[in-house]
Amino acid sequence: MEQLRRCEWCGQRFAVDRRPGRPPKYCRPSHRQRHYEARREAALRGLQPGDVLLTRDQYEAWSDHRYVLETLVEDIVADLEAGATVEDLRAILAGLAGSLRAALDAFPEPAARG
């Protein structure tokens, strides 16, 4: 019987067969290696488990997308208060979906999860 677990590196769900021994924590061997490297690097730099490192470019991209999402939310609230039509709401949702996708795509690949 299979059960689903989340990879400790990427967070993706993967199937695990029930058999003797410890169940795997990673969806692939390379993620196990990346997690080891990240833990080792964090220890060398004196980082705590909750610390997160971003490059300046990653931070600026995240900040830009956050600003876009904040202004989009303000626009949505104003449009709803003004009595937006169904067509307006469809356009608003399409814009929101596009902005959310761009923001999610801008997030960097995790260097460590835990």
PDB file of N, CA and C in Angstrom:
ATOM      1  N   MET A   1       0.836  -1.176   0.000  1.00  0.00           N
ATOM      2  CA  MET A   1       0.000   0.000   0.000  1.00  0.00           C
ATOM      3  C   MET A   1       0.882   1.242   0.000  1.00  0.00           C
ATOM      4  N   GLU A   2       0.528   2.225  -0.818  1.00  0.00           N
ATOM      5  CA  GLU A   2       1.296   3.455  -0.919  1.00  0.00           C
ATOM      6  C   GLU A   2       0.712   4.534  -0.024  1.00  0.00           C
ATOM      7  N   GLN A   3       1.581   5.407   0.428  1.00  0.00           N
ATOM      8  CA  GLN A   3       1.120   6.596   1.122  1.00  0.00           C
ATOM      9  C   GLN A   3       1.859   7.780   0.512  1.00  0.00           C
ATOM     10  N   LEU A   4       1.303   8.984   0.661  1.00  0.00           N
ATOM     11  CA  LEU A   4       1.931  10.177   0.117  1.00  0.00           C
ATOM     12  C   LEU A   4       2.676  10.912   1.221  1.00  0.00           C
ATOM     13  N   ARG A   5       3.855  11.387   0.873  1.00  0.00           N
ATOM     14  CA  ARG A   5       4.662  12.214   1.781  1.00  0.00           C
ATOM     15  C   ARG A   5       5.087  13.455   1.019  1.00  0.00           C
ATOM     16  N   ARG A   6       5.544  14.448   1.754  1.00  0.00           N
ATOM     17  CA  ARG A   6       6.100  15.655   1.133  1.00  0.00           C
ATOM     18  C   ARG A   6       7.621  15.604   1.216  1.00  0.00           C
ATOM     19  N   CYS A   7       8.248  15.913   0.102  1.00  0.00           N
ATOM     20  CA  CYS A   7       9.707  15.964   0.046  1.00  0.00           C
ATOM     21  C   CYS A   7      10.182  17.099   0.951  1.00  0.00           C
ATOM     22  N   GLU A   8      11.182  16.829   1.795  1.00  0.00           N
ATOM     23  CA  GLU A   8      11.694  17.847   2.705  1.00  0.00           C
ATOM     24  C   GLU A   8      12.492  18.919   1.983  1.00  0.00           C
ATOM     25  N   TRP A   9      12.835  18.695   0.731  1.00  0.00           N
ATOM     26  CA  TRP A   9      13.573  19.695  -0.035  1.00  0.00           C
ATOM     27  C   TRP A   9      12.643  20.581  -0.841  1.00  0.00           C
ATOM     28  N   CYS A  10      11.817  19.982  -1.696  1.00  0.00           N
ATOM     29  CA  CYS A  10      11.001  20.776  -2.622  1.00  0.00           C
ATOM     30  C   CYS A  10       9.542  20.907  -2.202  1.00  0.00           C
ATOM     31  N   GLY A  11       9.099  20.077  -1.261  1.00  0.00           N
ATOM     32  CA  GLY A  11       7.716  20.150  -0.813  1.00  0.00           C
ATOM     33  C   GLY A  11       6.726  19.404  -1.685  1.00  0.00           C
ATOM     34  N   GLN A  12       7.198  18.803  -2.761  1.00  0.00           N
ATOM     35  CA  GLN A  12       6.317  18.068  -3.673  1.00  0.00           C
ATOM     36  C   GLN A  12       5.891  16.749  -3.038  1.00  0.00           C
ATOM     37  N   ARG A  13       4.650  16.353  -3.283  1.00  0.00           N
ATOM     38  CA  ARG A  13       4.165  15.067  -2.774  1.00  0.00           C
ATOM     39  C   ARG A  13       4.719  13.939  -3.633  1.00  0.00           C
ATOM     40  N   PHE A  14       5.050  12.822  -2.980  1.00  0.00           N
ATOM     41  CA  PHE A  14       5.512  11.641  -3.708  1.00  0.00           C
ATOM     42  C   PHE A  14       5.019  10.394  -2.995  1.00  0.00           C
ATOM     43  N   ALA A  15       4.861   9.324  -3.759  1.00  0.00           N
ATOM     44  CA  ALA A  15       4.336   8.066  -3.222  1.00  0.00           C
ATOM     45  C   ALA A  15       5.453   7.279  -2.556  1.00  0.00           C
ATOM     46  N   VAL A  16       5.117   6.665  -1.419  1.00  0.00           N
ATOM     47  CA  VAL A  16       6.068   5.850  -0.664  1.00  0.00           C
ATOM     48  C   VAL A  16       5.428   4.489  -0.434  1.00  0.00           C
ATOM     49  N   ASP A  17       6.136   3.443  -0.801  1.00  0.00           N
ATOM     50  CA  ASP A  17       5.660   2.092  -0.524  1.00  0.00           C
ATOM     51  C   ASP A  17       5.862   1.783   0.949  1.00  0.00           C
ATOM     52  N   ARG A  18       4.923   1.072   1.521  1.00  0.00           N
ATOM     53  CA  ARG A  18       5.077   0.636   2.921  1.00  0.00           C
ATOM     54  C   ARG A  18       5.935  -0.620   2.925  1.00  0.00           C
ATOM     55  N   ARG A  19       7.126  -0.487   3.441  1.00  0.00           N
ATOM     56  CA  ARG A  19       8.014  -1.627   3.602  1.00  0.00           C
ATOM     57  C   ARG A  19       8.850  -1.406   4.842  1.00  0.00           C
ATOM     58  N   PRO A  20       9.548  -2.411   5.266  1.00  0.00           N
ATOM     59  CA  PRO A  20      10.349  -2.261   6.485  1.00  0.00           C
ATOM     60  C   PRO A  20      11.397  -1.154   6.334  1.00  0.00           C
ATOM     61  N   GLY A  21      11.742  -0.564   7.445  1.00  0.00           N
ATOM     62  CA  GLY A  21      12.762   0.482   7.440  1.00  0.00           C
ATOM     63  C   GLY A  21      12.142   1.866   7.457  1.00  0.00           C
ATOM     64  N   ARG A  22      13.012   2.839   7.505  1.00  0.00           N
ATOM     65  CA  ARG A  22      12.564   4.222   7.537  1.00  0.00           C
ATOM     66  C   ARG A  22      12.013   4.650   6.189  1.00  0.00           C
ATOM     67  N   PRO A  23      10.896   5.356   6.173  1.00  0.00           N
ATOM     68  CA  PRO A  23      10.373   5.848   4.890  1.00  0.00           C
ATOM     69  C   PRO A  23      11.263   6.987   4.376  1.00  0.00           C
ATOM     70  N   PRO A  24      11.379   7.133   3.071  1.00  0.00           N
ATOM     71  CA  PRO A  24      12.219   8.196   2.524  1.00  0.00           C
ATOM     72  C   PRO A  24      11.640   9.579   2.822  1.00  0.00           C
ATOM     73  N   LYS A  25      12.527  10.571   2.927  1.00  0.00           N
ATOM     74  CA  LYS A  25      12.121  11.946   3.198  1.00  0.00           C
ATOM     75  C   LYS A  25      12.145  12.803   1.939  1.00  0.00           C
ATOM     76  N   TYR A  26      12.738  12.280   0.875  1.00  0.00           N
ATOM     77  CA  TYR A  26      12.959  13.068  -0.332  1.00  0.00           C
ATOM     78  C   TYR A  26      12.383  12.342  -1.541  1.00  0.00           C
ATOM     79  N   CYS A  27      11.924  13.130  -2.511  1.00  0.00           N
ATOM     80  CA  CYS A  27      11.313  12.522  -3.699  1.00  0.00           C
ATOM     81  C   CYS A  27      12.360  11.983  -4.674  1.00  0.00           C
ATOM     82  N   ARG A  28      13.598  12.416  -4.539  1.00  0.00           N
ATOM     83  CA  ARG A  28      14.671  11.903  -5.403  1.00  0.00           C
ATOM     84  C   ARG A  28      16.010  12.048  -4.692  1.00  0.00           C
ATOM     85  N   PRO A  29      16.977  11.260  -5.062  1.00  0.00           N
ATOM     86  CA  PRO A  29      18.281  11.310  -4.390  1.00  0.00           C
ATOM     87  C   PRO A  29      18.963  12.679  -4.484  1.00  0.00           C
ATOM     88  N   SER A  30      18.786  13.381  -5.601  1.00  0.00           N
ATOM     89  CA  SER A  30      19.434  14.687  -5.737  1.00  0.00           C
ATOM     90  C   SER A  30      18.896  15.682  -4.710  1.00  0.00           C
ATOM     91  N   HIS A  31      17.621  15.543  -4.324  1.00  0.00           N
ATOM     92  CA  HIS A  31      17.064  16.437  -3.304  1.00  0.00           C
ATOM     93  C   HIS A  31      17.636  16.116  -1.925  1.00  0.00           C
ATOM     94  N   ARG A  32      17.914  14.878  -1.690  1.00  0.00           N
ATOM     95  CA  ARG A  32      18.575  14.502  -0.436  1.00  0.00           C
ATOM     96  C   ARG A  32      19.946  15.156  -0.367  1.00  0.00           C
ATOM     97  N   GLN A  33      20.677  15.113  -1.484  1.00  0.00           N
ATOM     98  CA  GLN A  33      22.008  15.721  -1.555  1.00  0.00           C
ATOM     99  C   GLN A  33      21.931  17.234  -1.397  1.00  0.00           C
ATOM    100  N   ARG A  34      20.988  17.906  -2.096  1.00  0.00           N
ATOM    101  CA  ARG A  34      20.840  19.367  -1.985  1.00  0.00           C
ATOM    102  C   ARG A  34      20.520  19.780  -0.548  1.00  0.00           C
ATOM    103  N   HIS A  35      19.681  18.990   0.143  1.00  0.00           N
ATOM    104  CA  HIS A  35      19.332  19.313   1.522  1.00  0.00           C
ATOM    105  C   HIS A  35      20.560  19.177   2.425  1.00  0.00           C
ATOM    106  N   TYR A  36      21.347  18.155   2.213  1.00  0.00           N
ATOM    107  CA  TYR A  36      22.580  17.975   2.976  1.00  0.00           C
ATOM    108  C   TYR A  36      23.515  19.169   2.752  1.00  0.00           C
ATOM    109  N   GLU A  37      23.692  19.565   1.488  1.00  0.00           N
ATOM    110  CA  GLU A  37      24.575  20.680   1.168  1.00  0.00           C
ATOM    111  C   GLU A  37      24.075  21.975   1.811  1.00  0.00           C
ATOM    112  N   ALA A  38      22.767  22.189   1.774  1.00  0.00           N
ATOM    113  CA  ALA A  38      22.194  23.407   2.354  1.00  0.00           C
ATOM    114  C   ALA A  38      22.369  23.423   3.873  1.00  0.00           C
ATOM    115  N   ARG A  39      22.157  22.287   4.525  1.00  0.00           N
ATOM    116  CA  ARG A  39      22.351  22.226   5.979  1.00  0.00           C
ATOM    117  C   ARG A  39      23.813  22.493   6.345  1.00  0.00           C
ATOM    118  N   ARG A  40      24.707  21.924   5.565  1.00  0.00           N
ATOM    119  CA  ARG A  40      26.138  22.111   5.814  1.00  0.00           C
ATOM    120  C   ARG A  40      26.527  23.578   5.620  1.00  0.00           C
ATOM    121  N   GLU A  41      26.061  24.185   4.543  1.00  0.00           N
ATOM    122  CA  GLU A  41      26.359  25.591   4.275  1.00  0.00           C
ATOM    123  C   GLU A  41      25.770  26.489   5.361  1.00  0.00           C
ATOM    124  N   ALA A  42      24.556  26.186   5.804  1.00  0.00           N
ATOM    125  CA  ALA A  42      23.922  26.972   6.877  1.00  0.00           C
ATOM    126  C   ALA A  42      24.742  26.882   8.160  1.00  0.00           C
ATOM    127  N   ALA A  43      25.239  25.704   8.471  1.00  0.00           N
ATOM    128  CA  ALA A  43      26.048  25.536   9.675  1.00  0.00           C
ATOM    129  C   ALA A  43      27.353  26.334   9.566  1.00  0.00           C
ATOM    130  N   LEU A  44      27.975  26.351   8.380  1.00  0.00           N
ATOM    131  CA  LEU A  44      29.210  27.111   8.179  1.00  0.00           C
ATOM    132  C   LEU A  44      28.979  28.609   8.335  1.00  0.00           C
ATOM    133  N   ARG A  45      27.803  29.087   7.913  1.00  0.00           N
ATOM    134  CA  ARG A  45      27.483  30.519   7.988  1.00  0.00           C
ATOM    135  C   ARG A  45      26.821  30.917   9.300  1.00  0.00           C
ATOM    136  N   GLY A  46      26.538  29.945  10.157  1.00  0.00           N
ATOM    137  CA  GLY A  46      25.923  30.241  11.440  1.00  0.00           C
ATOM    138  C   GLY A  46      24.455  30.621  11.336  1.00  0.00           C
ATOM    139  N   LEU A  47      23.755  30.101  10.338  1.00  0.00           N
ATOM    140  CA  LEU A  47      22.343  30.411  10.160  1.00  0.00           C
ATOM    141  C   LEU A  47      21.476  29.532  11.048  1.00  0.00           C
ATOM    142  N   GLN A  48      20.390  30.091  11.515  1.00  0.00           N
ATOM    143  CA  GLN A  48      19.425  29.354  12.322  1.00  0.00           C
ATOM    144  C   GLN A  48      18.418  28.665  11.402  1.00  0.00           C
ATOM    145  N   PRO A  49      17.692  27.657  11.892  1.00  0.00           N
ATOM    146  CA  PRO A  49      16.740  26.931  11.051  1.00  0.00           C
ATOM    147  C   PRO A  49      15.682  27.820  10.394  1.00  0.00           C
ATOM    148  N   GLY A  50      15.274  28.910  11.035  1.00  0.00           N
ATOM    149  CA  GLY A  50      14.242  29.768  10.453  1.00  0.00           C
ATOM    150  C   GLY A  50      14.765  30.855   9.529  1.00  0.00           C
ATOM    151  N   ASP A  51      16.079  30.976   9.368  1.00  0.00           N
ATOM    152  CA  ASP A  51      16.654  32.023   8.528  1.00  0.00           C
ATOM    153  C   ASP A  51      16.459  31.702   7.054  1.00  0.00           C
ATOM    154  N   VAL A  52      16.275  32.765   6.274  1.00  0.00           N
ATOM    155  CA  VAL A  52      16.090  32.626   4.832  1.00  0.00           C
ATOM    156  C   VAL A  52      17.050  33.582   4.141  1.00  0.00           C
ATOM    157  N   LEU A  53      17.728  33.115   3.126  1.00  0.00           N
ATOM    158  CA  LEU A  53      18.641  33.947   2.349  1.00  0.00           C
ATOM    159  C   LEU A  53      18.085  34.141   0.949  1.00  0.00           C
ATOM    160  N   LEU A  54      18.090  35.398   0.500  1.00  0.00           N
ATOM    161  CA  LEU A  54      17.702  35.728  -0.866  1.00  0.00           C
ATOM    162  C   LEU A  54      18.791  36.614  -1.454  1.00  0.00           C
ATOM    163  N   THR A  55      19.001  36.499  -2.753  1.00  0.00           N
ATOM    164  CA  THR A  55      19.886  37.447  -3.414  1.00  0.00           C
ATOM    165  C   THR A  55      19.134  38.777  -3.533  1.00  0.00           C
ATOM    166  N   ARG A  56      19.864  39.844  -3.784  1.00  0.00           N
ATOM    167  CA  ARG A  56      19.216  41.146  -3.952  1.00  0.00           C
ATOM    168  C   ARG A  56      18.211  41.094  -5.097  1.00  0.00           C
ATOM    169  N   ASP A  57      18.571  40.441  -6.209  1.00  0.00           N
ATOM    170  CA  ASP A  57      17.655  40.342  -7.350  1.00  0.00           C
ATOM    171  C   ASP A  57      16.378  39.593  -6.969  1.00  0.00           C
ATOM    172  N   GLN A  58      16.510  38.505  -6.216  1.00  0.00           N
ATOM    173  CA  GLN A  58      15.332  37.750  -5.785  1.00  0.00           C
ATOM    174  C   GLN A  58      14.448  38.594  -4.875  1.00  0.00           C
ATOM    175  N   TYR A  59      15.075  39.325  -3.948  1.00  0.00           N
ATOM    176  CA  TYR A  59      14.308  40.169  -3.043  1.00  0.00           C
ATOM    177  C   TYR A  59      13.586  41.279  -3.807  1.00  0.00           C
ATOM    178  N   GLU A  60      14.274  41.926  -4.743  1.00  0.00           N
ATOM    179  CA  GLU A  60      13.652  43.002  -5.509  1.00  0.00           C
ATOM    180  C   GLU A  60      12.507  42.484  -6.371  1.00  0.00           C
ATOM    181  N   ALA A  61      12.674  41.294  -6.971  1.00  0.00           N
ATOM    182  CA  ALA A  61      11.583  40.704  -7.762  1.00  0.00           C
ATOM    183  C   ALA A  61      10.390  40.410  -6.867  1.00  0.00           C
ATOM    184  N   TRP A  62      10.645  39.842  -5.693  1.00  0.00           N
ATOM    185  CA  TRP A  62       9.563  39.555  -4.750  1.00  0.00           C
ATOM    186  C   TRP A  62       8.873  40.844  -4.320  1.00  0.00           C
ATOM    187  N   SER A  63       9.657  41.869  -4.026  1.00  0.00           N
ATOM    188  CA  SER A  63       9.111  43.150  -3.592  1.00  0.00           C
ATOM    189  C   SER A  63       8.260  43.782  -4.695  1.00  0.00           C
ATOM    190  N   ASP A  64       8.723  43.708  -5.937  1.00  0.00           N
ATOM    191  CA  ASP A  64       7.953  44.247  -7.068  1.00  0.00           C
ATOM    192  C   ASP A  64       6.617  43.532  -7.212  1.00  0.00           C
ATOM    193  N   HIS A  65       6.639  42.221  -7.135  1.00  0.00           N
ATOM    194  CA  HIS A  65       5.401  41.448  -7.278  1.00  0.00           C
ATOM    195  C   HIS A  65       4.461  41.713  -6.106  1.00  0.00           C
ATOM    196  N   ARG A  66       5.020  41.873  -4.925  1.00  0.00           N
ATOM    197  CA  ARG A  66       4.176  42.178  -3.767  1.00  0.00           C
ATOM    198  C   ARG A  66       3.468  43.509  -3.960  1.00  0.00           C
ATOM    199  N   TYR A  67       4.183  44.504  -4.484  1.00  0.00           N
ATOM    200  CA  TYR A  67       3.575  45.813  -4.741  1.00  0.00           C
ATOM    201  C   TYR A  67       2.433  45.678  -5.755  1.00  0.00           C
ATOM    202  N   VAL A  68       2.670  44.930  -6.820  1.00  0.00           N
ATOM    203  CA  VAL A  68       1.629  44.729  -7.837  1.00  0.00           C
ATOM    204  C   VAL A  68       0.401  44.073  -7.216  1.00  0.00           C
ATOM    205  N   LEU A  69       0.611  43.043  -6.392  1.00  0.00           N
ATOM    206  CA  LEU A  69      -0.512  42.361  -5.761  1.00  0.00           C
ATOM    207  C   LEU A  69      -1.243  43.267  -4.782  1.00  0.00           C
ATOM    208  N   GLU A  70      -0.512  44.076  -4.027  1.00  0.00           N
ATOM    209  CA  GLU A  70      -1.158  44.998  -3.088  1.00  0.00           C
ATOM    210  C   GLU A  70      -2.041  46.003  -3.823  1.00  0.00           C
ATOM    211  N   THR A  71      -1.526  46.576  -4.902  1.00  0.00           N
ATOM    212  CA  THR A  71      -2.334  47.547  -5.654  1.00  0.00           C
ATOM    213  C   THR A  71      -3.504  46.870  -6.346  1.00  0.00           C
ATOM    214  N   LEU A  72      -3.323  45.653  -6.798  1.00  0.00           N
ATOM    215  CA  LEU A  72      -4.415  44.913  -7.427  1.00  0.00           C
ATOM    216  C   LEU A  72      -5.526  44.646  -6.413  1.00  0.00           C
ATOM    217  N   VAL A  73      -5.163  44.290  -5.195  1.00  0.00           N
ATOM    218  CA  VAL A  73      -6.168  44.065  -4.155  1.00  0.00           C
ATOM    219  C   VAL A  73      -6.931  45.362  -3.870  1.00  0.00           C
ATOM    220  N   GLU A  74      -6.216  46.471  -3.785  1.00  0.00           N
ATOM    221  CA  GLU A  74      -6.884  47.759  -3.570  1.00  0.00           C
ATOM    222  C   GLU A  74      -7.858  48.071  -4.714  1.00  0.00           C
ATOM    223  N   ASP A  75      -7.439  47.810  -5.949  1.00  0.00           N
ATOM    224  CA  ASP A  75      -8.313  48.038  -7.098  1.00  0.00           C
ATOM    225  C   ASP A  75      -9.548  47.138  -7.051  1.00  0.00           C
ATOM    226  N   ILE A  76      -9.354  45.881  -6.638  1.00  0.00           N
ATOM    227  CA  ILE A  76     -10.474  44.939  -6.558  1.00  0.00           C
ATOM    228  C   ILE A  76     -11.484  45.417  -5.525  1.00  0.00           C
ATOM    229  N   VAL A  77     -10.996  45.834  -4.370  1.00  0.00           N
ATOM    230  CA  VAL A  77     -11.895  46.324  -3.320  1.00  0.00           C
ATOM    231  C   VAL A  77     -12.663  47.544  -3.818  1.00  0.00           C
ATOM    232  N   ALA A  78     -11.977  48.466  -4.471  1.00  0.00           N
ATOM    233  CA  ALA A  78     -12.644  49.668  -4.991  1.00  0.00           C
ATOM    234  C   ALA A  78     -13.682  49.298  -6.048  1.00  0.00           C
ATOM    235  N   ASP A  79     -13.350  48.370  -6.945  1.00  0.00           N
ATOM    236  CA  ASP A  79     -14.298  47.955  -7.984  1.00  0.00           C
ATOM    237  C   ASP A  79     -15.514  47.271  -7.374  1.00  0.00           C
ATOM    238  N   LEU A  80     -15.306  46.437  -6.362  1.00  0.00           N
ATOM    239  CA  LEU A  80     -16.436  45.773  -5.706  1.00  0.00           C
ATOM    240  C   LEU A  80     -17.338  46.777  -5.002  1.00  0.00           C
ATOM    241  N   GLU A  81     -16.728  47.771  -4.339  1.00  0.00           N
ATOM    242  CA  GLU A  81     -17.519  48.800  -3.664  1.00  0.00           C
ATOM    243  C   GLU A  81     -18.283  49.660  -4.661  1.00  0.00           C
ATOM    244  N   ALA A  82     -17.736  49.809  -5.871  1.00  0.00           N
ATOM    245  CA  ALA A  82     -18.387  50.611  -6.907  1.00  0.00           C
ATOM    246  C   ALA A  82     -19.463  49.817  -7.650  1.00  0.00           C
ATOM    247  N   GLY A  83     -19.630  48.539  -7.306  1.00  0.00           N
ATOM    248  CA  GLY A  83     -20.655  47.717  -7.949  1.00  0.00           C
ATOM    249  C   GLY A  83     -20.235  47.199  -9.322  1.00  0.00           C
ATOM    250  N   ALA A  84     -19.099  46.544  -9.371  1.00  0.00           N
ATOM    251  CA  ALA A  84     -18.565  46.004 -10.632  1.00  0.00           C
ATOM    252  C   ALA A  84     -19.535  44.991 -11.238  1.00  0.00           C
ATOM    253  N   THR A  85     -19.566  44.963 -12.570  1.00  0.00           N
ATOM    254  CA  THR A  85     -20.421  44.016 -13.288  1.00  0.00           C
ATOM    255  C   THR A  85     -19.744  42.652 -13.353  1.00  0.00           C
ATOM    256  N   VAL A  86     -20.464  41.671 -13.839  1.00  0.00           N
ATOM    257  CA  VAL A  86     -19.903  40.331 -13.981  1.00  0.00           C
ATOM    258  C   VAL A  86     -18.712  40.353 -14.939  1.00  0.00           C
ATOM    259  N   GLU A  87     -18.817  41.109 -16.013  1.00  0.00           N
ATOM    260  CA  GLU A  87     -17.700  41.203 -16.961  1.00  0.00           C
ATOM    261  C   GLU A  87     -16.484  41.855 -16.308  1.00  0.00           C
ATOM    262  N   ASP A  88     -16.736  42.888 -15.495  1.00  0.00           N
ATOM    263  CA  ASP A  88     -15.640  43.530 -14.771  1.00  0.00           C
ATOM    264  C   ASP A  88     -14.966  42.537 -13.823  1.00  0.00           C
ATOM    265  N   LEU A  89     -15.778  41.762 -13.111  1.00  0.00           N
ATOM    266  CA  LEU A  89     -15.235  40.785 -12.167  1.00  0.00           C
ATOM    267  C   LEU A  89     -14.413  39.714 -12.882  1.00  0.00           C
ATOM    268  N   ARG A  90     -14.862  39.308 -14.058  1.00  0.00           N
ATOM    269  CA  ARG A  90     -14.073  38.329 -14.838  1.00  0.00           C
ATOM    270  C   ARG A  90     -12.714  38.908 -15.220  1.00  0.00           C
ATOM    271  N   ALA A  91     -12.706  40.157 -15.650  1.00  0.00           N
ATOM    272  CA  ALA A  91     -11.444  40.808 -16.018  1.00  0.00           C
ATOM    273  C   ALA A  91     -10.549  40.957 -14.793  1.00  0.00           C
ATOM    274  N   ILE A  92     -11.157  41.305 -13.659  1.00  0.00           N
ATOM    275  CA  ILE A  92     -10.401  41.451 -12.414  1.00  0.00           C
ATOM    276  C   ILE A  92      -9.766  40.123 -12.025  1.00  0.00           C
ATOM    277  N   LEU A  93     -10.551  39.043 -12.073  1.00  0.00           N
ATOM    278  CA  LEU A  93     -10.024  37.723 -11.704  1.00  0.00           C
ATOM    279  C   LEU A  93      -8.930  37.269 -12.666  1.00  0.00           C
ATOM    280  N   ALA A  94      -9.085  37.575 -13.953  1.00  0.00           N
ATOM    281  CA  ALA A  94      -8.043  37.218 -14.922  1.00  0.00           C
ATOM    282  C   ALA A  94      -6.749  37.965 -14.599  1.00  0.00           C
ATOM    283  N   GLY A  95      -6.858  39.239 -14.264  1.00  0.00           N
ATOM    284  CA  GLY A  95      -5.674  40.020 -13.896  1.00  0.00           C
ATOM    285  C   GLY A  95      -5.038  39.505 -12.622  1.00  0.00           C
ATOM    286  N   LEU A  96      -5.880  39.164 -11.658  1.00  0.00           N
ATOM    287  CA  LEU A  96      -5.372  38.632 -10.396  1.00  0.00           C
ATOM    288  C   LEU A  96      -4.651  37.307 -10.621  1.00  0.00           C
ATOM    289  N   ALA A  97      -5.254  36.430 -11.420  1.00  0.00           N
ATOM    290  CA  ALA A  97      -4.628  35.135 -11.689  1.00  0.00           C
ATOM    291  C   ALA A  97      -3.274  35.315 -12.381  1.00  0.00           C
ATOM    292  N   GLY A  98      -3.191  36.219 -13.340  1.00  0.00           N
ATOM    293  CA  GLY A  98      -1.923  36.465 -14.031  1.00  0.00           C
ATOM    294  C   GLY A  98      -0.861  37.014 -13.096  1.00  0.00           C
ATOM    295  N   SER A  99      -1.264  37.945 -12.229  1.00  0.00           N
ATOM    296  CA  SER A  99      -0.311  38.532 -11.282  1.00  0.00           C
ATOM    297  C   SER A  99       0.148  37.508 -10.254  1.00  0.00           C
ATOM    298  N   LEU A 100      -0.759  36.666  -9.794  1.00  0.00           N
ATOM    299  CA  LEU A 100      -0.378  35.624  -8.843  1.00  0.00           C
ATOM    300  C   LEU A 100       0.586  34.628  -9.474  1.00  0.00           C
ATOM    301  N   ARG A 101       0.325  34.248 -10.719  1.00  0.00           N
ATOM    302  CA  ARG A 101       1.214  33.304 -11.404  1.00  0.00           C
ATOM    303  C   ARG A 101       2.606  33.911 -11.550  1.00  0.00           C
ATOM    304  N   ALA A 102       2.673  35.177 -11.946  1.00  0.00           N
ATOM    305  CA  ALA A 102       3.983  35.839 -12.098  1.00  0.00           C
ATOM    306  C   ALA A 102       4.710  35.909 -10.761  1.00  0.00           C
ATOM    307  N   ALA A 103       3.980  36.209  -9.692  1.00  0.00           N
ATOM    308  CA  ALA A 103       4.600  36.282  -8.364  1.00  0.00           C
ATOM    309  C   ALA A 103       5.114  34.920  -7.932  1.00  0.00           C
ATOM    310  N   LEU A 104       4.322  33.887  -8.156  1.00  0.00           N
ATOM    311  CA  LEU A 104       4.763  32.537  -7.789  1.00  0.00           C
ATOM    312  C   LEU A 104       5.963  32.091  -8.600  1.00  0.00           C
ATOM    313  N   ASP A 105       5.986  32.448  -9.875  1.00  0.00           N
ATOM    314  CA  ASP A 105       7.125  32.086 -10.739  1.00  0.00           C
ATOM    315  C   ASP A 105       8.405  32.818 -10.321  1.00  0.00           C
ATOM    316  N   ALA A 106       8.259  33.976  -9.677  1.00  0.00           N
ATOM    317  CA  ALA A 106       9.424  34.760  -9.272  1.00  0.00           C
ATOM    318  C   ALA A 106      10.088  34.203  -8.022  1.00  0.00           C
ATOM    319  N   PHE A 107       9.378  33.363  -7.252  1.00  0.00           N
ATOM    320  CA  PHE A 107       9.976  32.817  -6.036  1.00  0.00           C
ATOM    321  C   PHE A 107      11.104  31.871  -6.406  1.00  0.00           C
ATOM    322  N   PRO A 108      12.236  31.965  -5.704  1.00  0.00           N
ATOM    323  CA  PRO A 108      13.367  31.099  -6.017  1.00  0.00           C
ATOM    324  C   PRO A 108      13.129  29.660  -5.576  1.00  0.00           C
ATOM    325  N   GLU A 109      13.882  28.765  -6.179  1.00  0.00           N
ATOM    326  CA  GLU A 109      13.870  27.362  -5.762  1.00  0.00           C
ATOM    327  C   GLU A 109      14.393  27.309  -4.336  1.00  0.00           C
ATOM    328  N   PRO A 110      13.754  26.530  -3.476  1.00  0.00           N
ATOM    329  CA  PRO A 110      14.217  26.511  -2.088  1.00  0.00           C
ATOM    330  C   PRO A 110      15.624  25.955  -1.952  1.00  0.00           C
ATOM    331  N   ALA A 111      16.369  26.536  -1.014  1.00  0.00           N
ATOM    332  CA  ALA A 111      17.711  26.032  -0.725  1.00  0.00           C
ATOM    333  C   ALA A 111      17.692  25.089   0.464  1.00  0.00           C
ATOM    334  N   ALA A 112      16.643  25.183   1.246  1.00  0.00           N
ATOM    335  CA  ALA A 112      16.476  24.272   2.379  1.00  0.00           C
ATOM    336  C   ALA A 112      15.059  24.455   2.909  1.00  0.00           C
ATOM    337  N   ARG A 113      14.477  23.383   3.387  1.00  0.00           N
ATOM    338  CA  ARG A 113      13.130  23.445   3.919  1.00  0.00           C
ATOM    339  C   ARG A 113      13.109  22.787   5.284  1.00  0.00           C
ATOM    340  N   GLY A 114      13.673  23.348   6.258  1.00  0.00           N
ATOM    341  CA  GLY A 114      13.510  22.734   7.556  1.00  0.00           C
ATOM    342  C   GLY A 114      14.752  22.562   8.346  1.00  0.00           C
TER     343      GLY A 114
END
